[in-house]
């Protein structure tokens, strides 16, 4: 599967996220996982002792550190833009906004409270997603078959899913119909394999 083939990647994701309740769970829980990962990564050291960037908004001062959190936000942003320019640019804006806001919050909470907030949020969000798959989707999560999908593409795909659902957005005409056909084929293939295992 081409890593930048949006149709194939999104249909693979869609085959694991077809149930409306599971989709809603992921829409609510995927971005908090990303945000809290950036939150804890704020406390990693700066690359090559690069200077901090001071940012002031409404007399609130924040120091942005060019560290692993920044690197993750940049990698995700560039990857999403490479997948699809319009929705990818919005996803990139959300990634960089999450990096800035997580930096503000990390300084307010300090490490002693941040790690607790991150731990609780991650546990709740991951359990919620596993419930979504086990109870509603009745299929194991994609992370068991494709780690890249689970950790890198999920934030972009829940955004793209929301844009399709609420704004009727398509990266190009006919995208949704093509993806739905691929999703149906993927689900049918999975059901056939499952049936063979049972019999």
Protein backbone atom coordinates (compact mmCIF):
# COMPACT_ATOMS: atom_id res chain seq x y z
CA UNK A 1 0.00 0.00 0.00
CA UNK A 2 1.50 3.35 -1.07
CA UNK A 3 1.96 5.45 2.04
CA UNK A 4 0.77 8.57 0.19
CA UNK A 5 -2.10 6.85 -1.64
CA UNK A 6 -4.99 8.64 0.07
CA UNK A 7 -7.72 6.40 -1.34
CA UNK A 8 -6.07 3.18 -0.21
CA UNK A 9 -4.99 4.55 3.17
CA UNK A 10 -8.38 6.08 3.95
CA UNK A 11 -10.25 2.95 2.82
CA UNK A 12 -8.00 0.79 5.02
CA UNK A 13 -8.81 3.12 7.93
CA UNK A 14 -12.51 3.14 7.01
CA UNK A 15 -12.70 -0.66 7.01
CA UNK A 16 -11.77 -0.58 10.71
CA UNK A 17 -14.00 2.40 11.47
CA UNK A 18 -17.34 1.78 9.79
CA UNK A 19 -19.70 1.72 12.77
CA UNK A 20 -21.12 5.24 13.46
CA UNK A 21 -20.61 4.97 17.23
CA UNK A 22 -17.01 3.81 16.81
CA UNK A 23 -16.41 6.67 14.34
CA UNK A 24 -17.82 9.18 16.87
CA UNK A 25 -15.65 7.71 19.65
CA UNK A 26 -12.54 8.14 17.50
CA UNK A 27 -13.52 11.68 16.51
CA UNK A 28 -13.69 12.56 20.19
CA UNK A 29 -10.62 10.66 21.44
CA UNK A 30 -7.90 10.64 18.77
CA UNK A 31 -6.87 14.30 18.96
CA UNK A 32 -6.62 14.30 22.79
CA UNK A 33 -4.14 11.41 22.46
CA UNK A 34 -2.06 13.47 20.03
CA UNK A 35 -2.34 16.61 22.19
CA UNK A 36 -1.30 14.89 25.42
CA UNK A 37 1.63 13.21 23.65
CA UNK A 38 2.85 16.69 22.70
CA UNK A 39 2.13 17.83 26.25
CA UNK A 40 4.54 15.33 27.83
CA UNK A 41 7.10 15.79 25.03
CA UNK A 42 7.36 19.46 26.02
CA UNK A 43 9.71 18.30 28.77
CA UNK A 44 12.22 16.74 26.37
CA UNK A 45 15.40 18.75 25.77
CA UNK A 46 15.89 21.16 22.90
CA UNK A 47 17.73 19.85 19.83
CA UNK A 48 21.36 21.00 19.62
CA UNK A 49 20.72 23.50 22.44
CA UNK A 50 18.61 25.63 20.09
CA UNK A 51 17.23 28.72 21.80
CA UNK A 52 13.66 28.78 23.05
CA UNK A 53 11.11 30.92 21.23
CA UNK A 54 9.25 33.31 23.51
CA UNK A 55 5.59 33.83 22.67
CA UNK A 56 3.30 36.28 24.45
CA UNK A 57 -0.47 36.34 24.05
CA UNK A 58 -2.65 38.58 26.23
CA UNK A 59 0.26 39.03 28.66
CA UNK A 60 0.65 35.27 28.98
CA UNK A 61 4.22 34.25 28.23
CA UNK A 62 5.20 30.90 26.81
CA UNK A 63 8.53 29.42 25.80
CA UNK A 64 8.36 27.15 22.77
CA UNK A 65 11.10 24.54 22.70
CA UNK A 66 12.38 23.02 19.44
CA UNK A 67 12.39 19.47 20.81
CA UNK A 68 10.73 16.10 20.12
CA UNK A 69 7.25 17.60 20.51
CA UNK A 70 8.05 20.18 17.84
CA UNK A 71 9.58 17.50 15.59
CA UNK A 72 6.49 15.27 15.87
CA UNK A 73 4.17 18.21 15.10
CA UNK A 74 6.26 19.16 12.04
CA UNK A 75 6.50 15.58 10.73
CA UNK A 76 2.75 15.03 11.11
CA UNK A 77 2.00 18.42 9.50
CA UNK A 78 4.19 17.82 6.45
CA UNK A 79 2.90 14.28 6.05
CA UNK A 80 -0.74 15.40 6.12
CA UNK A 81 -0.09 18.11 3.53
CA UNK A 82 1.64 15.52 1.33
CA UNK A 83 -1.43 13.24 1.62
CA UNK A 84 -3.89 15.95 0.57
CA UNK A 85 -3.19 19.67 0.38
CA UNK A 86 -6.49 21.26 1.50
CA UNK A 87 -7.55 19.04 4.40
CA UNK A 88 -3.88 18.30 5.12
CA UNK A 89 -3.20 22.02 5.56
CA UNK A 90 -6.03 22.26 8.07
CA UNK A 91 -4.66 19.18 9.88
CA UNK A 92 -1.18 20.77 9.86
CA UNK A 93 -2.61 23.97 11.35
CA UNK A 94 -4.27 21.88 14.09
CA UNK A 95 -1.00 20.02 14.75
CA UNK A 96 1.01 23.22 15.15
CA UNK A 97 -1.75 24.82 17.24
CA UNK A 98 -1.75 21.72 19.46
CA UNK A 99 2.02 22.04 19.84
CA UNK A 100 1.76 25.70 20.90
CA UNK A 101 -1.21 25.14 23.25
CA UNK A 102 0.40 22.06 24.80
CA UNK A 103 3.53 24.15 25.44
CA UNK A 104 1.44 26.78 27.24
CA UNK A 105 -0.37 24.13 29.28
CA UNK A 106 2.83 22.23 30.15
CA UNK A 107 4.35 25.39 31.62
CA UNK A 108 1.22 26.06 33.67
CA UNK A 109 0.88 22.49 34.96
CA UNK A 110 4.62 21.78 35.32
CA UNK A 111 5.94 18.24 35.03
CA UNK A 112 4.64 17.07 38.42
CA UNK A 113 1.00 17.51 37.29
CA UNK A 114 1.47 17.13 33.52
CA UNK A 115 2.47 13.47 33.61
CA UNK A 116 -0.65 12.64 35.65
CA UNK A 117 -2.95 14.48 33.23
CA UNK A 118 -1.24 12.76 30.28
CA UNK A 119 -1.44 9.30 31.86
CA UNK A 120 -5.13 9.59 32.74
CA UNK A 121 -6.06 11.05 29.34
CA UNK A 122 -4.11 8.42 27.42
CA UNK A 123 -5.62 5.56 29.43
CA UNK A 124 -9.19 6.86 29.09
CA UNK A 125 -8.84 7.59 25.37
CA UNK A 126 -7.21 4.27 24.50
CA UNK A 127 -9.75 2.29 26.55
CA UNK A 128 -12.55 4.24 24.85
CA UNK A 129 -11.19 3.35 21.43
CA UNK A 130 -10.80 -0.33 22.33
CA UNK A 131 -14.41 -0.33 23.54
CA UNK A 132 -15.43 1.28 20.25
CA UNK A 133 -13.76 -1.52 18.34
CA UNK A 134 -14.75 -4.42 20.58
CA UNK A 135 -18.34 -3.48 21.39
CA UNK A 136 -19.49 -1.49 18.35
CA UNK A 137 -17.18 -2.25 15.43
CA UNK A 138 -16.66 -5.87 16.50
CA UNK A 139 -13.24 -5.81 14.88
CA UNK A 140 -9.74 -5.46 16.30
CA UNK A 141 -8.22 -1.97 15.95
CA UNK A 142 -6.06 -1.10 12.95
CA UNK A 143 -2.98 -0.79 15.18
CA UNK A 144 -2.79 -4.58 15.29
CA UNK A 145 -2.35 -4.62 11.50
CA UNK A 146 -0.76 -1.25 10.74
CA UNK A 147 1.02 0.84 13.39
CA UNK A 148 1.57 3.75 10.99
CA UNK A 149 -2.19 3.97 10.49
CA UNK A 150 -2.85 3.93 14.22
CA UNK A 151 -0.31 6.50 15.32
CA UNK A 152 0.38 8.79 12.37
CA UNK A 153 -2.66 8.80 10.14
CA UNK A 154 -5.49 8.57 12.70
CA UNK A 155 -5.60 12.31 13.58
CA UNK A 156 -5.77 13.26 9.90
CA UNK A 157 -8.36 10.63 9.07
CA UNK A 158 -10.77 11.57 11.88
CA UNK A 159 -10.52 15.18 10.67
CA UNK A 160 -11.14 14.13 7.05
CA UNK A 161 -14.05 11.96 8.23
CA UNK A 162 -15.57 14.94 10.07
CA UNK A 163 -15.08 17.20 7.05
CA UNK A 164 -16.84 14.66 4.84
CA UNK A 165 -19.69 14.15 7.28
CA UNK A 166 -20.37 17.75 8.30
CA UNK A 167 -19.10 19.78 5.32
CA UNK A 168 -19.58 17.29 2.44
CA UNK A 169 -15.89 17.76 1.69
CA UNK A 170 -14.16 15.60 -0.88
CA UNK A 171 -10.46 15.93 -1.79
CA UNK A 172 -11.63 15.55 -5.40
CA UNK A 173 -14.93 14.63 -7.08
CA UNK A 174 -15.81 10.97 -6.70
CA UNK A 175 -13.39 10.37 -3.80
CA UNK A 176 -16.07 9.31 -1.34
CA UNK A 177 -17.72 6.85 -3.78
CA UNK A 178 -14.35 5.25 -4.63
CA UNK A 179 -13.39 4.97 -0.98
CA UNK A 180 -16.77 3.49 0.00
CA UNK A 181 -16.37 0.81 -2.67
CA UNK A 182 -12.86 0.00 -1.41
CA UNK A 183 -14.11 -0.08 2.20
CA UNK A 184 -16.94 -2.48 1.30
CA UNK A 185 -14.47 -4.74 -0.54
CA UNK A 186 -12.06 -4.67 2.42
CA UNK A 187 -14.84 -5.49 4.92
CA UNK A 188 -16.17 -8.32 2.72
CA UNK A 189 -12.65 -9.73 2.40
CA UNK A 190 -12.21 -9.57 6.20
CA UNK A 191 -15.59 -11.31 6.75
CA UNK A 192 -14.68 -14.08 4.31
CA UNK A 193 -11.33 -14.66 6.04
CA UNK A 194 -13.05 -14.66 9.42
CA UNK A 195 -15.62 -17.20 8.17
CA UNK A 196 -12.84 -19.47 6.90
CA UNK A 197 -11.18 -19.40 10.32
CA UNK A 198 -14.43 -20.33 12.04
CA UNK A 199 -15.28 -23.20 9.68
